[in-house]
Amino acid sequence: MTVFGYDGWDLVWSVFWVLAFVVYVFALFAVISDLFDDHELSGWWKAVWVVLLLVLPFLTILVYLIVRGRGMQDRAQRRAAEAQRATDEYIRTTARHSSPADEITKAKALLDDGTITNDEYEAIKARALAS
């Protein structure tokens, strides 16, 4: 059977090789980015790995994943934790900064409910206007 002028199996093999190439490129970039993210590895060892990636790419990627796979996972988890921490800190600092008008409005609502006294309201208002 022909599909778009190709034998069916030729099409299957073409799709397979395209997907294999995409996986190879993804693995190559993952190894290179991990290599340069590892601050414990010396520059000479990084250079050796890069030269090996150029000379024997498939074998080098396989050996790298076997030898340094655990470290790749640890570094990826550390990067993810740092990104999460930075995001959380950004959200905290953004949420913390409300306008003075918002703070005074909240304080007025608390005063009207009887939760705070008039002196506390004035203190909150003065602090909001000072910032």
C-alpha atoms as a PDB file:
ATOM      1  CA  MET A   1       0.000   0.000   0.000  1.00  0.00           C
ATOM      2  CA  THR A   2       1.321   3.455  -0.803  1.00  0.00           C
ATOM      3  CA  VAL A   3       0.799   6.613   1.243  1.00  0.00           C
ATOM      4  CA  PHE A   4       1.711   9.928  -0.402  1.00  0.00           C
ATOM      5  CA  GLY A   5       3.679   8.013  -2.995  1.00  0.00           C
ATOM      6  CA  TYR A   6       5.696   6.043  -0.401  1.00  0.00           C
ATOM      7  CA  ASP A   7       5.513   2.452   0.666  1.00  0.00           C
ATOM      8  CA  GLY A   8       3.813   2.172   4.085  1.00  0.00           C
ATOM      9  CA  TRP A   9       6.906   0.776   5.785  1.00  0.00           C
ATOM     10  CA  ASP A  10       9.093   3.518   4.317  1.00  0.00           C
ATOM     11  CA  LEU A  11       6.811   6.046   5.966  1.00  0.00           C
ATOM     12  CA  VAL A  12       6.963   4.203   9.300  1.00  0.00           C
ATOM     13  CA  TRP A  13      10.766   4.068   9.159  1.00  0.00           C
ATOM     14  CA  SER A  14      10.979   7.732   8.220  1.00  0.00           C
ATOM     15  CA  VAL A  15       8.822   8.688  11.204  1.00  0.00           C
ATOM     16  CA  PHE A  16      10.916   6.439  13.441  1.00  0.00           C
ATOM     17  CA  TRP A  17      14.192   8.065  12.336  1.00  0.00           C
ATOM     18  CA  VAL A  18      12.794  11.572  12.720  1.00  0.00           C
ATOM     19  CA  LEU A  19      11.651  10.765  16.258  1.00  0.00           C
ATOM     20  CA  ALA A  20      15.000   9.122  17.035  1.00  0.00           C
ATOM     21  CA  PHE A  21      16.786  12.276  15.859  1.00  0.00           C
ATOM     22  CA  VAL A  22      14.548  14.469  18.038  1.00  0.00           C
ATOM     23  CA  VAL A  23      15.298  12.272  21.066  1.00  0.00           C
ATOM     24  CA  TYR A  24      19.022  12.436  20.266  1.00  0.00           C
ATOM     25  CA  VAL A  25      18.987  16.245  20.025  1.00  0.00           C
ATOM     26  CA  PHE A  26      17.021  16.501  23.279  1.00  0.00           C
ATOM     27  CA  ALA A  27      19.497  14.200  25.067  1.00  0.00           C
ATOM     28  CA  LEU A  28      22.444  16.100  23.592  1.00  0.00           C
ATOM     29  CA  PHE A  29      21.170  19.446  24.876  1.00  0.00           C
ATOM     30  CA  ALA A  30      20.282  17.916  28.264  1.00  0.00           C
ATOM     31  CA  VAL A  31      23.830  16.573  28.634  1.00  0.00           C
ATOM     32  CA  ILE A  32      25.462  19.823  27.507  1.00  0.00           C
ATOM     33  CA  SER A  33      23.306  21.986  29.798  1.00  0.00           C
ATOM     34  CA  ASP A  34      23.944  19.654  32.736  1.00  0.00           C
ATOM     35  CA  LEU A  35      27.662  19.648  31.993  1.00  0.00           C
ATOM     36  CA  PHE A  36      27.901  23.419  32.202  1.00  0.00           C
ATOM     37  CA  ASP A  37      25.570  23.606  35.209  1.00  0.00           C
ATOM     38  CA  ASP A  38      27.820  21.303  37.261  1.00  0.00           C
ATOM     39  CA  HIS A  39      30.100  23.604  39.235  1.00  0.00           C
ATOM     40  CA  GLU A  40      31.956  20.716  40.881  1.00  0.00           C
ATOM     41  CA  LEU A  41      33.344  19.424  37.564  1.00  0.00           C
ATOM     42  CA  SER A  42      36.565  21.107  36.426  1.00  0.00           C
ATOM     43  CA  GLY A  43      36.859  22.891  33.111  1.00  0.00           C
ATOM     44  CA  TRP A  44      39.212  20.240  31.744  1.00  0.00           C
ATOM     45  CA  TRP A  45      36.709  17.450  32.368  1.00  0.00           C
ATOM     46  CA  LYS A  46      33.995  19.538  30.746  1.00  0.00           C
ATOM     47  CA  ALA A  47      36.233  19.987  27.710  1.00  0.00           C
ATOM     48  CA  VAL A  48      36.895  16.225  27.574  1.00  0.00           C
ATOM     49  CA  TRP A  49      33.150  15.493  27.660  1.00  0.00           C
ATOM     50  CA  VAL A  50      32.453  18.050  24.898  1.00  0.00           C
ATOM     51  CA  VAL A  51      35.212  16.620  22.667  1.00  0.00           C
ATOM     52  CA  LEU A  52      33.844  13.126  23.230  1.00  0.00           C
ATOM     53  CA  LEU A  53      30.353  14.387  22.381  1.00  0.00           C
ATOM     54  CA  LEU A  54      31.710  15.672  19.070  1.00  0.00           C
ATOM     55  CA  VAL A  55      33.702  12.520  18.239  1.00  0.00           C
ATOM     56  CA  LEU A  56      31.406   9.739  19.521  1.00  0.00           C
ATOM     57  CA  PRO A  57      28.066  11.405  20.249  1.00  0.00           C
ATOM     58  CA  PHE A  58      25.767   8.394  20.800  1.00  0.00           C
ATOM     59  CA  LEU A  59      28.225   6.450  22.921  1.00  0.00           C
ATOM     60  CA  THR A  60      29.209   9.527  24.947  1.00  0.00           C
ATOM     61  CA  ILE A  61      25.587  10.405  25.730  1.00  0.00           C
ATOM     62  CA  LEU A  62      24.935   6.836  26.833  1.00  0.00           C
ATOM     63  CA  VAL A  63      28.065   6.737  29.033  1.00  0.00           C
ATOM     64  CA  TYR A  64      27.298  10.202  30.464  1.00  0.00           C
ATOM     65  CA  LEU A  65      23.771   9.157  31.415  1.00  0.00           C
ATOM     66  CA  ILE A  66      25.058   5.982  33.061  1.00  0.00           C
ATOM     67  CA  VAL A  67      28.009   7.554  34.902  1.00  0.00           C
ATOM     68  CA  ARG A  68      26.544  10.933  35.842  1.00  0.00           C
ATOM     69  CA  GLY A  69      22.792  10.270  35.723  1.00  0.00           C
ATOM     70  CA  ARG A  70      22.292  10.508  39.483  1.00  0.00           C
ATOM     71  CA  GLY A  71      24.100  13.860  39.583  1.00  0.00           C
ATOM     72  CA  MET A  72      21.963  15.106  36.687  1.00  0.00           C
ATOM     73  CA  GLN A  73      18.856  14.284  38.666  1.00  0.00           C
ATOM     74  CA  ASP A  74      20.167  15.991  41.806  1.00  0.00           C
ATOM     75  CA  ARG A  75      21.144  19.144  39.902  1.00  0.00           C
ATOM     76  CA  ALA A  76      17.767  19.251  38.136  1.00  0.00           C
ATOM     77  CA  GLN A  77      15.963  18.929  41.473  1.00  0.00           C
ATOM     78  CA  ARG A  78      18.139  21.686  42.951  1.00  0.00           C
ATOM     79  CA  ARG A  79      17.369  24.001  40.005  1.00  0.00           C
ATOM     80  CA  ALA A  80      13.650  23.269  40.324  1.00  0.00           C
ATOM     81  CA  ALA A  81      13.741  23.955  44.082  1.00  0.00           C
ATOM     82  CA  GLU A  82      15.612  27.234  43.522  1.00  0.00           C
ATOM     83  CA  ALA A  83      13.109  28.307  40.874  1.00  0.00           C
ATOM     84  CA  GLN A  84      10.215  27.443  43.194  1.00  0.00           C
ATOM     85  CA  ARG A  85      11.837  29.361  46.050  1.00  0.00           C
ATOM     86  CA  ALA A  86      12.378  32.407  43.816  1.00  0.00           C
ATOM     87  CA  THR A  87       8.765  32.257  42.622  1.00  0.00           C
ATOM     88  CA  ASP A  88       7.470  31.970  46.182  1.00  0.00           C
ATOM     89  CA  GLU A  89       9.618  34.898  47.304  1.00  0.00           C
ATOM     90  CA  TYR A  90       8.394  37.015  44.401  1.00  0.00           C
ATOM     91  CA  ILE A  91       4.775  36.195  45.231  1.00  0.00           C
ATOM     92  CA  ARG A  92       5.344  37.005  48.907  1.00  0.00           C
ATOM     93  CA  THR A  93       6.967  40.363  48.185  1.00  0.00           C
ATOM     94  CA  THR A  94       4.310  41.268  45.627  1.00  0.00           C
ATOM     95  CA  ALA A  95       1.452  40.292  47.925  1.00  0.00           C
ATOM     96  CA  ARG A  96       3.040  42.101  50.871  1.00  0.00           C
ATOM     97  CA  HIS A  97       3.121  45.449  49.098  1.00  0.00           C
ATOM     98  CA  SER A  98      -0.356  46.878  49.131  1.00  0.00           C
ATOM     99  CA  SER A  99      -1.118  50.509  48.585  1.00  0.00           C
ATOM    100  CA  PRO A 100      -1.551  52.836  51.582  1.00  0.00           C
ATOM    101  CA  ALA A 101      -5.185  53.345  50.581  1.00  0.00           C
ATOM    102  CA  ASP A 102      -5.782  49.563  50.810  1.00  0.00           C
ATOM    103  CA  GLU A 103      -4.227  49.399  54.265  1.00  0.00           C
ATOM    104  CA  ILE A 104      -6.264  52.356  55.502  1.00  0.00           C
ATOM    105  CA  THR A 105      -9.457  50.845  54.063  1.00  0.00           C
ATOM    106  CA  LYS A 106      -8.762  47.528  55.800  1.00  0.00           C
ATOM    107  CA  ALA A 107      -7.990  49.329  59.049  1.00  0.00           C
ATOM    108  CA  LYS A 108     -11.214  51.386  58.764  1.00  0.00           C
ATOM    109  CA  ALA A 109     -13.220  48.175  58.280  1.00  0.00           C
ATOM    110  CA  LEU A 110     -11.576  46.710  61.400  1.00  0.00           C
ATOM    111  CA  LEU A 111     -12.351  49.908  63.310  1.00  0.00           C
ATOM    112  CA  ASP A 112     -15.986  49.846  62.191  1.00  0.00           C
ATOM    113  CA  ASP A 113     -16.257  46.183  63.268  1.00  0.00           C
ATOM    114  CA  GLY A 114     -14.824  47.084  66.650  1.00  0.00           C
ATOM    115  CA  THR A 115     -11.821  44.806  66.213  1.00  0.00           C
ATOM    116  CA  ILE A 116      -9.316  47.618  66.750  1.00  0.00           C
ATOM    117  CA  THR A 117      -9.452  50.826  68.755  1.00  0.00           C
ATOM    118  CA  ASN A 118      -9.318  54.335  67.367  1.00  0.00           C
ATOM    119  CA  ASP A 119      -5.703  54.698  68.552  1.00  0.00           C
ATOM    120  CA  GLU A 120      -4.711  51.508  66.701  1.00  0.00           C
ATOM    121  CA  TYR A 121      -6.498  52.779  63.593  1.00  0.00           C
ATOM    122  CA  GLU A 122      -4.587  56.055  63.744  1.00  0.00           C
ATOM    123  CA  ALA A 123      -1.293  54.151  64.191  1.00  0.00           C
ATOM    124  CA  ILE A 124      -2.013  51.953  61.170  1.00  0.00           C
ATOM    125  CA  LYS A 125      -3.022  55.000  59.131  1.00  0.00           C
ATOM    126  CA  ALA A 126       0.162  56.858  60.087  1.00  0.00           C
ATOM    127  CA  ARG A 127       2.337  53.823  59.246  1.00  0.00           C
ATOM    128  CA  ALA A 128       0.566  53.386  55.866  1.00  0.00           C
ATOM    129  CA  LEU A 129       0.996  57.037  54.977  1.00  0.00           C
ATOM    130  CA  ALA A 130       4.655  56.979  56.042  1.00  0.00           C
ATOM    131  CA  SER A 131       5.525  54.122  53.677  1.00  0.00           C
END
